[in-house]
Amino acid sequence: MFTIATWNINSVRLREALVSRLLTEETPNILCLQEIKTPIEKFPAEAFAALGYRYLVARGQKGYNGVAILSKLPLEDAGDRDYASLGHARHVAATLENGVTIHNFYVPAGGDIPDREQNVKFGQKLDFLTEMRDAFHADNPSKSIMVGDLNIAPREDDVWSHKQLLKIVSHTPIEVEHLGAAQDAGKWVDITRQDIPSGLLYSWWSYRAKDWDAADKGRRLDHIWATPDIANAGHASRILRPVRGWEQPSDHVPVLASFDL
């Protein structure tokens, strides 16, 4: 059995202490980070290795994006793909010794205007999701877990107000449709919702709210999916809401699941 966590850290160098705290308190076997915002040579690998996370597969770039898979379990680099040819470090994959492949994604946020004619970033987001769909169609994944900040809250109970967010980027019907097409193409199972099938669930709260906890205007943007052949092994899903209240926090919190594999 192993536990996997995913967390958009919003700068790993700025929040190295928070990562160390999470690794110490929760001890997941694997932690997938997004938005590490650093070239790999400046990634604080030694600090995490000292906590037992000796394996690292990552793609970085200066100041933006970047994805990393930290592990206590031996990992082999399984490559990356430049979705939508953006030249961004937004995907990396690694394989465990048991043959399970882990994909770590950071889907573009998509800017503020949900219209590709008016907003290039929104178009890039849709193109990224379309290429994910096409890639999963072409090479049907098996024995795989996909995690990350997918920057979309697909369900009505994944946002604080379905009605008020229908025209807000991350919950628009066209984004939900594109994400659904990518999910269907790989037959991916949403492990979080397999475990917690109903009720409001959030993994992100904006920095703009004076009191994020009281306002509670959250969205579930961070996901753990698995292919059908191993989805039944997934369990114990949880979202670590209190982490949003840690000092100098990311606006995202970790999402975890365990797999009996």
Protein backbone atom coordinates (compact mmCIF):
# COMPACT_ATOMS: atom_id res chain seq x y z
CA MET A 1 0.00 0.00 0.00
CA PHE A 2 1.13 3.54 -0.66
CA THR A 3 -0.29 7.02 -0.13
CA ILE A 4 0.00 9.73 -2.74
CA ALA A 5 -0.51 13.46 -2.20
CA THR A 6 -0.84 16.25 -4.75
CA TRP A 7 -0.33 19.93 -3.93
CA ASN A 8 0.04 23.12 -5.92
CA ILE A 9 2.70 24.69 -3.72
CA ASN A 10 2.94 28.08 -5.50
CA SER A 11 6.78 28.23 -5.22
CA VAL A 12 8.63 25.37 -3.56
CA ARG A 13 11.57 27.55 -2.57
CA LEU A 14 9.30 30.08 -0.86
CA ARG A 15 7.36 27.29 0.88
CA GLU A 16 10.03 24.67 1.48
CA ALA A 17 9.19 24.68 5.20
CA LEU A 18 5.52 23.94 4.47
CA VAL A 19 6.47 21.00 2.25
CA SER A 20 8.76 19.67 4.98
CA ARG A 21 5.98 20.06 7.53
CA LEU A 22 3.53 18.17 5.32
CA LEU A 23 6.04 15.37 4.70
CA THR A 24 6.77 15.12 8.42
CA GLU A 25 3.15 15.26 9.63
CA GLU A 26 1.41 13.22 6.92
CA THR A 27 4.30 11.05 5.62
CA PRO A 28 2.80 10.25 2.21
CA ASN A 29 4.96 7.83 0.21
CA ILE A 30 4.73 10.12 -2.80
CA LEU A 31 4.14 13.87 -3.11
CA CYS A 32 3.38 15.47 -6.46
CA LEU A 33 3.93 19.22 -6.52
CA GLN A 34 2.78 21.75 -9.10
CA GLU A 35 3.85 25.33 -9.69
CA ILE A 36 7.27 24.75 -8.14
CA LYS A 37 8.44 27.90 -9.99
CA THR A 38 12.12 26.94 -10.11
CA PRO A 39 14.69 25.34 -12.36
CA ILE A 40 15.50 21.85 -11.07
CA GLU A 41 19.06 22.76 -10.08
CA LYS A 42 17.58 25.14 -7.49
CA PHE A 43 14.96 22.69 -6.21
CA PRO A 44 15.54 22.01 -2.46
CA ALA A 45 15.97 18.27 -3.04
CA GLU A 46 18.47 17.74 -0.20
CA ALA A 47 16.08 19.01 2.47
CA PHE A 48 13.41 16.55 1.34
CA ALA A 49 15.90 13.69 0.92
CA ALA A 50 16.85 14.22 4.56
CA LEU A 51 13.21 13.43 5.44
CA GLY A 52 13.37 10.17 3.48
CA TYR A 53 12.23 11.44 0.09
CA ARG A 54 15.30 10.39 -1.85
CA TYR A 55 13.70 10.02 -5.26
CA LEU A 56 12.83 12.98 -7.44
CA VAL A 57 11.48 13.21 -10.98
CA ALA A 58 10.79 16.79 -12.01
CA ARG A 59 10.61 19.38 -14.76
CA GLY A 60 11.22 22.98 -13.84
CA GLN A 61 11.60 26.45 -15.29
CA LYS A 62 12.52 29.79 -13.86
CA GLY A 63 9.73 31.69 -12.13
CA TYR A 64 6.73 29.83 -13.53
CA ASN A 65 5.01 26.45 -13.70
CA GLY A 66 7.09 23.36 -12.95
CA VAL A 67 6.07 19.92 -11.68
CA ALA A 68 7.85 17.50 -9.36
CA ILE A 69 7.29 13.99 -8.02
CA LEU A 70 8.99 13.35 -4.66
CA SER A 71 9.04 9.80 -3.37
CA LYS A 72 10.23 7.51 -0.61
CA LEU A 73 9.74 4.64 -3.07
CA PRO A 74 12.14 4.11 -6.00
CA LEU A 75 10.97 5.95 -9.13
CA GLU A 76 12.01 5.91 -12.74
CA ASP A 77 11.57 8.93 -14.98
CA ALA A 78 8.84 8.13 -17.52
CA GLY A 79 9.17 11.32 -19.55
CA ASP A 80 7.01 14.36 -20.15
CA ARG A 81 4.91 15.92 -22.86
CA ASP A 82 4.64 19.52 -23.93
CA TYR A 83 0.87 19.68 -24.17
CA ALA A 84 -0.43 22.34 -26.57
CA SER A 85 3.22 23.14 -27.45
CA LEU A 86 3.35 25.93 -24.89
CA GLY A 87 6.97 25.28 -23.92
CA HIS A 88 5.86 25.14 -20.26
CA ALA A 89 6.89 22.58 -17.63
CA ARG A 90 3.37 21.31 -16.92
CA HIS A 91 3.64 17.52 -17.08
CA VAL A 92 5.98 14.81 -15.86
CA ALA A 93 5.55 11.07 -15.37
CA ALA A 94 7.34 8.45 -13.28
CA THR A 95 7.01 4.70 -12.83
CA LEU A 96 7.14 2.81 -9.54
CA GLU A 97 8.82 -0.57 -9.18
CA ASN A 98 5.36 -2.23 -9.07
CA GLY A 99 4.71 -0.95 -12.61
CA VAL A 100 2.31 1.84 -11.67
CA THR A 101 2.86 5.04 -13.67
CA ILE A 102 2.16 8.38 -12.03
CA HIS A 103 1.31 11.41 -14.16
CA ASN A 104 1.62 14.83 -12.57
CA PHE A 105 -0.22 17.63 -14.40
CA TYR A 106 -0.49 21.37 -14.04
CA VAL A 107 -3.20 22.52 -16.44
CA PRO A 108 -3.11 26.22 -17.41
CA ALA A 109 -5.36 28.40 -15.27
CA GLY A 110 -6.83 30.08 -18.34
CA GLY A 111 -6.88 33.77 -17.42
CA ASP A 112 -10.01 35.67 -16.43
CA ILE A 113 -12.22 35.88 -19.54
CA PRO A 114 -13.77 32.56 -20.61
CA ASP A 115 -13.53 33.32 -24.33
CA ARG A 116 -10.65 32.21 -26.53
CA GLU A 117 -11.23 35.09 -28.97
CA GLN A 118 -10.67 37.65 -26.23
CA ASN A 119 -8.22 35.70 -24.11
CA VAL A 120 -5.29 33.70 -25.50
CA LYS A 121 -4.78 31.93 -22.18
CA PHE A 122 -8.27 30.48 -22.23
CA GLY A 123 -7.65 29.08 -25.69
CA GLN A 124 -4.38 27.55 -24.48
CA LYS A 125 -6.20 25.87 -21.63
CA LEU A 126 -8.79 24.32 -23.94
CA ASP A 127 -6.06 23.21 -26.36
CA PHE A 128 -4.10 21.63 -23.51
CA LEU A 129 -7.18 19.65 -22.43
CA THR A 130 -7.93 18.62 -26.01
CA GLU A 131 -4.41 17.29 -26.43
CA MET A 132 -4.77 15.39 -23.14
CA ARG A 133 -7.90 13.80 -24.56
CA ASP A 134 -6.15 12.90 -27.82
CA ALA A 135 -3.10 11.50 -26.02
CA PHE A 136 -5.26 9.25 -23.81
CA HIS A 137 -7.22 8.08 -26.87
CA ALA A 138 -4.07 7.29 -28.81
CA ASP A 139 -2.28 5.54 -25.96
CA ASN A 140 -4.90 4.18 -23.62
CA PRO A 141 -3.44 4.38 -20.11
CA SER A 142 -3.39 1.37 -17.80
CA LYS A 143 -2.04 0.82 -14.29
CA SER A 144 -1.79 4.59 -13.99
CA ILE A 145 -2.58 7.33 -11.50
CA MET A 146 -3.01 10.89 -12.65
CA VAL A 147 -2.85 13.76 -10.21
CA GLY A 148 -2.48 17.48 -10.26
CA ASP A 149 -3.89 20.95 -10.35
CA LEU A 150 -6.27 20.56 -13.27
CA ASN A 151 -7.62 24.07 -12.68
CA ILE A 152 -11.21 22.95 -13.20
CA ALA A 153 -13.91 22.20 -10.63
CA PRO A 154 -16.13 19.87 -12.67
CA ARG A 155 -19.13 19.18 -10.44
CA GLU A 156 -21.79 21.44 -8.99
CA ASP A 157 -20.68 20.41 -5.50
CA ASP A 158 -17.03 21.18 -6.34
CA VAL A 159 -17.70 24.93 -6.01
CA TRP A 160 -19.28 27.16 -3.39
CA SER A 161 -21.97 28.37 -5.82
CA HIS A 162 -22.64 26.58 -9.09
CA LYS A 163 -24.91 29.38 -10.30
CA GLN A 164 -22.47 32.19 -9.53
CA LEU A 165 -19.48 30.41 -11.05
CA LEU A 166 -21.01 29.28 -14.36
CA LYS A 167 -19.30 32.17 -16.16
CA ILE A 168 -16.13 32.09 -14.04
CA VAL A 169 -13.03 30.43 -15.46
CA SER A 170 -12.55 26.99 -13.82
CA HIS A 171 -16.26 26.11 -13.76
CA THR A 172 -17.60 27.12 -17.18
CA PRO A 173 -19.50 24.45 -19.11
CA ILE A 174 -16.93 24.40 -21.94
CA GLU A 175 -14.06 23.72 -19.53
CA VAL A 176 -16.02 21.03 -17.69
CA GLU A 177 -16.85 19.46 -21.06
CA HIS A 178 -13.20 19.48 -22.17
CA LEU A 179 -12.02 17.97 -18.89
CA GLY A 180 -14.74 15.34 -19.08
CA ALA A 181 -13.63 14.40 -22.61
CA ALA A 182 -10.03 13.96 -21.39
CA GLN A 183 -11.24 11.89 -18.45
CA ASP A 184 -13.45 9.70 -20.64
CA ALA A 185 -10.67 9.16 -23.19
CA GLY A 186 -8.49 7.52 -20.54
CA LYS A 187 -11.46 5.98 -18.71
CA TRP A 188 -10.03 7.72 -15.64
CA VAL A 189 -11.87 7.27 -12.33
CA ASP A 190 -12.05 10.27 -9.99
CA ILE A 191 -10.75 8.61 -6.80
CA THR A 192 -11.67 11.50 -4.52
CA ARG A 193 -15.30 11.30 -5.59
CA GLN A 194 -15.28 7.49 -5.61
CA ASP A 195 -14.51 7.77 -1.89
CA ILE A 196 -16.56 10.90 -1.12
CA PRO A 197 -19.44 10.71 -3.60
CA SER A 198 -21.47 13.67 -2.36
CA GLY A 199 -21.16 16.96 -0.55
CA LEU A 200 -19.16 20.12 -1.04
CA LEU A 201 -15.43 19.55 -1.48
CA TYR A 202 -12.80 22.25 -2.06
CA SER A 203 -9.02 22.26 -2.46
CA TRP A 204 -8.50 25.95 -3.29
CA TRP A 205 -9.53 29.23 -1.65
CA SER A 206 -8.59 32.57 -3.19
CA TYR A 207 -6.04 34.86 -1.59
CA ARG A 208 -8.50 37.70 -2.23
CA ALA A 209 -10.85 36.75 0.59
CA LYS A 210 -10.08 38.58 3.84
CA ASP A 211 -11.07 35.52 5.85
CA TRP A 212 -10.92 32.49 3.52
CA ASP A 213 -12.27 30.15 6.18
CA ALA A 214 -15.35 32.19 7.09
CA ALA A 215 -16.14 33.14 3.48
CA ASP A 216 -15.49 29.53 2.39
CA LYS A 217 -15.73 30.35 -1.30
CA GLY A 218 -13.77 27.30 -2.38
CA ARG A 219 -13.32 25.22 -5.51
CA ARG A 220 -12.06 21.66 -6.02
CA LEU A 221 -9.31 22.22 -8.59
CA ASP A 222 -6.91 19.46 -7.50
CA HIS A 223 -7.56 15.88 -8.43
CA ILE A 224 -6.46 12.26 -8.11
CA TRP A 225 -7.60 9.93 -10.88
CA ALA A 226 -6.77 6.29 -11.61
CA THR A 227 -7.30 3.91 -14.51
CA PRO A 228 -10.14 1.40 -14.09
CA ASP A 229 -7.79 -1.58 -13.63
CA ILE A 230 -6.50 -0.14 -10.33
CA ALA A 231 -9.28 2.28 -9.31
CA ASN A 232 -10.78 -0.23 -6.86
CA ALA A 233 -7.46 -0.23 -4.99
CA GLY A 234 -7.90 3.48 -4.24
CA HIS A 235 -9.31 4.57 -0.89
CA ALA A 236 -8.87 6.88 2.12
CA SER A 237 -9.22 10.08 0.11
CA ARG A 238 -8.96 13.32 2.01
CA ILE A 239 -8.34 17.00 1.45
CA LEU A 240 -6.24 18.79 4.05
CA ARG A 241 -8.26 21.96 4.53
CA PRO A 242 -6.34 23.14 7.65
CA VAL A 243 -3.17 23.56 5.55
CA ARG A 244 -4.78 26.65 3.98
CA GLY A 245 -4.41 28.25 7.41
CA TRP A 246 -0.68 27.55 7.75
CA GLU A 247 1.68 30.52 7.74
CA GLN A 248 2.24 32.08 4.29
CA PRO A 249 0.19 29.32 2.68
CA SER A 250 -0.39 28.32 -0.90
CA ASP A 251 -3.96 29.03 -2.01
CA HIS A 252 -4.26 25.26 -2.69
CA VAL A 253 -4.21 22.47 -0.11
CA PRO A 254 -2.97 18.88 -0.44
CA VAL A 255 -5.27 16.15 -1.71
CA LEU A 256 -4.43 12.56 -0.68
CA ALA A 257 -5.46 9.01 -1.51
CA SER A 258 -4.07 5.57 -0.69
CA PHE A 259 -3.77 2.61 -3.02
CA ASP A 260 -3.57 -1.06 -2.03
CA LEU A 261 -1.01 -1.90 -4.68
